[in-house]
N, C-alpha and C. Protein backbone atom coordinates (compact mmCIF):
# COMPACT_ATOMS: atom_id res chain seq x y z
N MET A 1 118.19 250.52 139.84
CA MET A 1 118.90 249.39 139.29
C MET A 1 119.41 249.71 137.89
N ALA A 2 120.59 249.25 137.66
CA ALA A 2 121.18 249.47 136.34
C ALA A 2 120.58 248.47 135.35
N ARG A 3 120.35 248.98 134.19
CA ARG A 3 119.75 248.14 133.17
C ARG A 3 120.87 247.59 132.26
N VAL A 4 120.87 246.29 132.01
CA VAL A 4 121.88 245.64 131.18
C VAL A 4 121.41 245.68 129.74
N LYS A 5 122.26 246.22 128.87
CA LYS A 5 121.92 246.28 127.46
C LYS A 5 122.22 244.94 126.79
N ASN A 6 121.40 244.59 125.86
CA ASN A 6 121.64 243.37 125.10
C ASN A 6 122.72 243.63 124.06
N ARG A 7 123.79 242.90 124.16
CA ARG A 7 124.89 243.03 123.22
C ARG A 7 124.80 241.90 122.19
N PRO A 8 125.25 242.19 120.99
CA PRO A 8 125.30 241.09 120.02
C PRO A 8 126.36 240.08 120.47
N PRO A 9 126.16 238.82 120.12
CA PRO A 9 127.15 237.82 120.54
C PRO A 9 128.51 238.09 119.90
N ALA A 10 129.52 237.71 120.62
CA ALA A 10 130.90 237.89 120.13
C ALA A 10 131.13 237.01 118.91
N PRO A 11 131.89 237.51 117.94
CA PRO A 11 132.16 236.68 116.76
C PRO A 11 132.94 235.43 117.14
N THR A 12 132.61 234.35 116.50
CA THR A 12 133.27 233.08 116.79
C THR A 12 134.22 232.73 115.67
N ARG A 13 135.08 231.78 115.91
CA ARG A 13 136.02 231.33 114.89
C ARG A 13 135.32 230.55 113.80
N LYS A 14 134.11 230.08 114.07
CA LYS A 14 133.40 229.31 113.07
C LYS A 14 133.09 230.17 111.85
N GLY A 15 132.76 231.46 112.07
CA GLY A 15 132.51 232.36 110.96
C GLY A 15 133.75 232.61 110.12
N VAL A 16 134.90 232.63 110.77
CA VAL A 16 136.16 232.84 110.06
C VAL A 16 136.52 231.59 109.26
N ALA A 17 136.14 230.43 109.75
CA ALA A 17 136.49 229.18 109.09
C ALA A 17 135.79 229.05 107.74
N TYR A 18 134.67 229.71 107.55
CA TYR A 18 133.99 229.64 106.26
C TYR A 18 134.63 230.55 105.22
N LEU A 19 135.48 231.43 105.62
CA LEU A 19 136.14 232.33 104.70
C LEU A 19 137.20 231.61 103.87
N LEU A 20 137.89 230.68 104.45
CA LEU A 20 138.98 229.99 103.75
C LEU A 20 138.49 229.23 102.51
N PRO A 21 137.46 228.40 102.59
CA PRO A 21 137.00 227.72 101.37
C PRO A 21 136.50 228.70 100.31
N SER A 22 135.90 229.81 100.74
CA SER A 22 135.43 230.80 99.76
C SER A 22 136.60 231.45 99.04
N LEU A 23 137.66 231.73 99.76
CA LEU A 23 138.85 232.30 99.12
C LEU A 23 139.51 231.30 98.18
N MET A 24 139.51 230.03 98.56
CA MET A 24 140.08 229.00 97.70
C MET A 24 139.28 228.88 96.41
N THR A 25 137.96 228.95 96.51
CA THR A 25 137.11 228.88 95.33
C THR A 25 137.32 230.10 94.44
N ALA A 26 137.45 231.28 95.04
CA ALA A 26 137.70 232.49 94.26
C ALA A 26 139.04 232.40 93.53
N GLY A 27 140.05 231.89 94.19
CA GLY A 27 141.36 231.71 93.54
C GLY A 27 141.29 230.70 92.40
N ASN A 28 140.51 229.65 92.60
CA ASN A 28 140.33 228.64 91.56
C ASN A 28 139.63 229.24 90.34
N LEU A 29 138.58 230.03 90.57
CA LEU A 29 137.87 230.67 89.47
C LEU A 29 138.77 231.66 88.73
N PHE A 30 139.56 232.42 89.46
CA PHE A 30 140.46 233.39 88.83
C PHE A 30 141.49 232.68 87.95
N CYS A 31 142.08 231.61 88.46
CA CYS A 31 143.08 230.88 87.67
C CYS A 31 142.46 230.27 86.42
N GLY A 32 141.26 229.73 86.56
CA GLY A 32 140.58 229.16 85.39
C GLY A 32 140.25 230.22 84.35
N PHE A 33 139.80 231.39 84.80
CA PHE A 33 139.48 232.48 83.89
C PHE A 33 140.72 232.96 83.14
N MET A 34 141.82 233.09 83.87
CA MET A 34 143.07 233.53 83.23
C MET A 34 143.57 232.49 82.23
N ALA A 35 143.39 231.20 82.54
CA ALA A 35 143.80 230.15 81.61
C ALA A 35 142.99 230.24 80.31
N VAL A 36 141.68 230.48 80.43
CA VAL A 36 140.85 230.62 79.24
C VAL A 36 141.29 231.83 78.41
N LEU A 37 141.59 232.94 79.06
CA LEU A 37 142.06 234.12 78.34
C LEU A 37 143.37 233.85 77.60
N GLN A 38 144.27 233.12 78.24
CA GLN A 38 145.55 232.80 77.60
C GLN A 38 145.34 231.87 76.39
N ILE A 39 144.41 230.94 76.49
CA ILE A 39 144.13 230.04 75.37
C ILE A 39 143.55 230.82 74.20
N ILE A 40 142.65 231.75 74.49
CA ILE A 40 142.09 232.59 73.42
C ILE A 40 143.19 233.43 72.77
N GLN A 41 144.06 233.98 73.58
CA GLN A 41 145.16 234.77 73.02
C GLN A 41 146.07 233.91 72.14
N GLY A 42 146.35 232.70 72.58
CA GLY A 42 147.17 231.79 71.77
C GLY A 42 146.50 231.43 70.46
N SER A 43 145.18 231.24 70.50
CA SER A 43 144.45 230.93 69.26
C SER A 43 144.49 232.11 68.29
N LEU A 44 144.36 233.33 68.82
CA LEU A 44 144.42 234.52 67.96
C LEU A 44 145.81 234.70 67.36
N LEU A 45 146.86 234.45 68.16
CA LEU A 45 148.22 234.56 67.63
C LEU A 45 148.51 233.49 66.59
N GLN A 46 147.96 232.29 66.80
CA GLN A 46 148.17 231.22 65.83
C GLN A 46 147.46 231.54 64.52
N ALA A 47 146.27 232.13 64.60
CA ALA A 47 145.53 232.50 63.39
C ALA A 47 146.24 233.61 62.63
N ALA A 48 146.97 234.46 63.35
CA ALA A 48 147.70 235.56 62.70
C ALA A 48 149.09 235.14 62.25
N ASP A 49 149.41 233.86 62.33
CA ASP A 49 150.72 233.31 61.95
C ASP A 49 151.87 233.99 62.68
N ASN A 50 151.66 234.27 63.95
CA ASN A 50 152.71 234.83 64.80
C ASN A 50 153.64 233.69 65.23
N VAL A 51 154.92 233.99 65.30
CA VAL A 51 155.91 232.97 65.64
C VAL A 51 155.78 232.52 67.10
N ALA A 52 155.42 233.43 67.98
CA ALA A 52 155.38 233.13 69.42
C ALA A 52 153.99 232.71 69.88
N TRP A 53 153.28 231.91 69.07
CA TRP A 53 151.92 231.54 69.43
C TRP A 53 151.86 230.47 70.52
N THR A 54 152.94 229.77 70.78
CA THR A 54 152.90 228.72 71.80
C THR A 54 153.05 229.27 73.22
N GLN A 55 153.58 230.46 73.37
CA GLN A 55 153.83 231.01 74.71
C GLN A 55 152.55 231.17 75.52
N PRO A 56 151.44 231.69 74.96
CA PRO A 56 150.22 231.77 75.78
C PRO A 56 149.69 230.40 76.20
N TYR A 57 149.88 229.39 75.36
CA TYR A 57 149.45 228.04 75.75
C TYR A 57 150.26 227.53 76.94
N GLU A 58 151.55 227.80 76.92
CA GLU A 58 152.39 227.39 78.05
C GLU A 58 151.99 228.13 79.32
N THR A 59 151.67 229.41 79.19
CA THR A 59 151.21 230.19 80.35
C THR A 59 149.88 229.67 80.86
N SER A 60 149.01 229.25 79.95
CA SER A 60 147.71 228.72 80.38
C SER A 60 147.88 227.43 81.18
N LEU A 61 148.90 226.64 80.84
CA LEU A 61 149.17 225.44 81.63
C LEU A 61 149.56 225.79 83.07
N LEU A 62 150.29 226.88 83.24
CA LEU A 62 150.64 227.31 84.60
C LEU A 62 149.40 227.78 85.36
N TRP A 63 148.49 228.47 84.67
CA TRP A 63 147.24 228.90 85.32
C TRP A 63 146.39 227.70 85.70
N ILE A 64 146.38 226.67 84.85
CA ILE A 64 145.61 225.46 85.17
C ILE A 64 146.24 224.75 86.37
N LEU A 65 147.56 224.73 86.43
CA LEU A 65 148.24 224.16 87.60
C LEU A 65 147.90 224.96 88.86
N GLY A 66 147.84 226.28 88.75
CA GLY A 66 147.44 227.10 89.89
C GLY A 66 146.02 226.80 90.33
N ALA A 67 145.11 226.59 89.37
CA ALA A 67 143.73 226.23 89.72
C ALA A 67 143.69 224.88 90.44
N PHE A 68 144.53 223.96 89.98
CA PHE A 68 144.59 222.65 90.65
C PHE A 68 145.09 222.79 92.08
N ILE A 69 146.07 223.64 92.29
CA ILE A 69 146.61 223.84 93.64
C ILE A 69 145.56 224.47 94.55
N PHE A 70 144.77 225.41 94.03
CA PHE A 70 143.70 226.00 94.82
C PHE A 70 142.59 224.99 95.11
N ASP A 71 142.36 224.07 94.19
CA ASP A 71 141.26 223.11 94.34
C ASP A 71 141.64 221.91 95.20
N TRP A 72 142.91 221.60 95.28
CA TRP A 72 143.34 220.38 95.98
C TRP A 72 142.92 220.33 97.45
N PRO A 73 143.08 221.38 98.25
CA PRO A 73 142.67 221.26 99.66
C PRO A 73 141.16 221.16 99.84
N MET A 74 140.37 221.54 98.84
CA MET A 74 138.93 221.48 98.98
C MET A 74 138.42 220.05 98.91
N SER A 75 139.15 219.16 98.26
CA SER A 75 138.73 217.77 98.21
C SER A 75 139.39 217.02 99.36
N SER A 76 138.62 216.23 100.04
CA SER A 76 139.19 215.52 101.19
C SER A 76 139.80 214.21 100.72
N PRO A 77 140.96 213.84 101.25
CA PRO A 77 141.62 212.61 100.83
C PRO A 77 140.88 211.35 101.25
N SER A 78 140.14 211.42 102.35
CA SER A 78 139.34 210.29 102.79
C SER A 78 138.29 210.81 103.76
N GLU A 79 137.30 209.98 104.03
CA GLU A 79 136.25 210.39 104.96
C GLU A 79 136.77 210.48 106.39
N SER A 80 137.76 209.67 106.72
CA SER A 80 138.25 209.67 108.10
C SER A 80 139.28 210.77 108.36
N ARG A 81 139.84 211.37 107.31
CA ARG A 81 140.89 212.35 107.50
C ARG A 81 140.76 213.49 106.48
N PRO A 82 139.73 214.35 106.61
CA PRO A 82 139.62 215.47 105.67
C PRO A 82 140.65 216.54 105.98
N LEU A 83 141.04 217.31 104.97
CA LEU A 83 142.02 218.37 105.18
C LEU A 83 141.43 219.53 105.97
N PHE A 84 140.17 219.86 105.73
CA PHE A 84 139.52 220.92 106.48
C PHE A 84 138.73 220.30 107.64
N TRP A 85 139.42 219.61 108.52
CA TRP A 85 138.78 218.89 109.61
C TRP A 85 138.05 219.82 110.56
N PHE A 86 138.50 221.07 110.69
CA PHE A 86 137.88 221.98 111.65
C PHE A 86 136.55 222.50 111.14
N LEU A 87 136.21 222.28 109.89
CA LEU A 87 134.92 222.72 109.37
C LEU A 87 133.84 221.68 109.54
N LYS A 88 134.22 220.45 109.77
CA LYS A 88 133.23 219.38 109.93
C LYS A 88 132.56 219.53 111.29
N SER A 89 131.23 219.59 111.28
CA SER A 89 130.51 219.77 112.53
C SER A 89 130.20 218.44 113.20
N SER A 90 130.25 217.35 112.45
CA SER A 90 129.94 216.05 113.04
C SER A 90 131.09 215.10 112.76
N SER A 91 131.14 214.04 113.51
CA SER A 91 132.19 213.05 113.31
C SER A 91 131.84 212.19 112.10
N PRO A 92 132.83 211.51 111.49
CA PRO A 92 132.55 210.73 110.30
C PRO A 92 131.60 209.57 110.55
N ASN A 93 131.49 209.09 111.79
CA ASN A 93 130.64 207.95 112.08
C ASN A 93 129.20 208.35 112.43
N SER A 94 128.95 209.63 112.62
CA SER A 94 127.59 210.05 112.97
C SER A 94 126.75 210.23 111.71
N PRO A 95 125.44 210.03 111.82
CA PRO A 95 124.57 210.20 110.65
C PRO A 95 124.49 211.68 110.27
N PRO A 96 124.23 211.99 109.00
CA PRO A 96 124.13 213.40 108.61
C PRO A 96 122.93 214.08 109.23
N ALA A 97 123.04 215.37 109.43
CA ALA A 97 121.96 216.14 110.04
C ALA A 97 120.81 216.25 109.05
N SER A 98 119.60 216.22 109.57
CA SER A 98 118.43 216.33 108.70
C SER A 98 118.25 217.79 108.28
N VAL A 99 117.76 217.97 107.08
CA VAL A 99 117.62 219.30 106.51
C VAL A 99 116.29 219.91 106.92
N GLY A 100 115.27 219.14 107.07
CA GLY A 100 113.93 219.64 107.33
C GLY A 100 113.75 220.09 108.70
């Protein structure tokens, strides 16, 4: 008789679905970090009496806008209609799963 080897289970789409929020968070962190760097650069240019000290502040506003765009899909507009609906394992009317 042939012996059947135990194979690992096939990857599911559920594992892939967790990648999207992680990438959104990484993009949000990157944009926030770049905004802080631009603000520091603008402060240093302003202290050195450089004429173009406002340009880094304007760039930091664009980085903050980028962070907002990355963060927007992570917040759900309502409990009945979240943007990442495929990540919710239970319906909005069901009680939350117990942790213990």
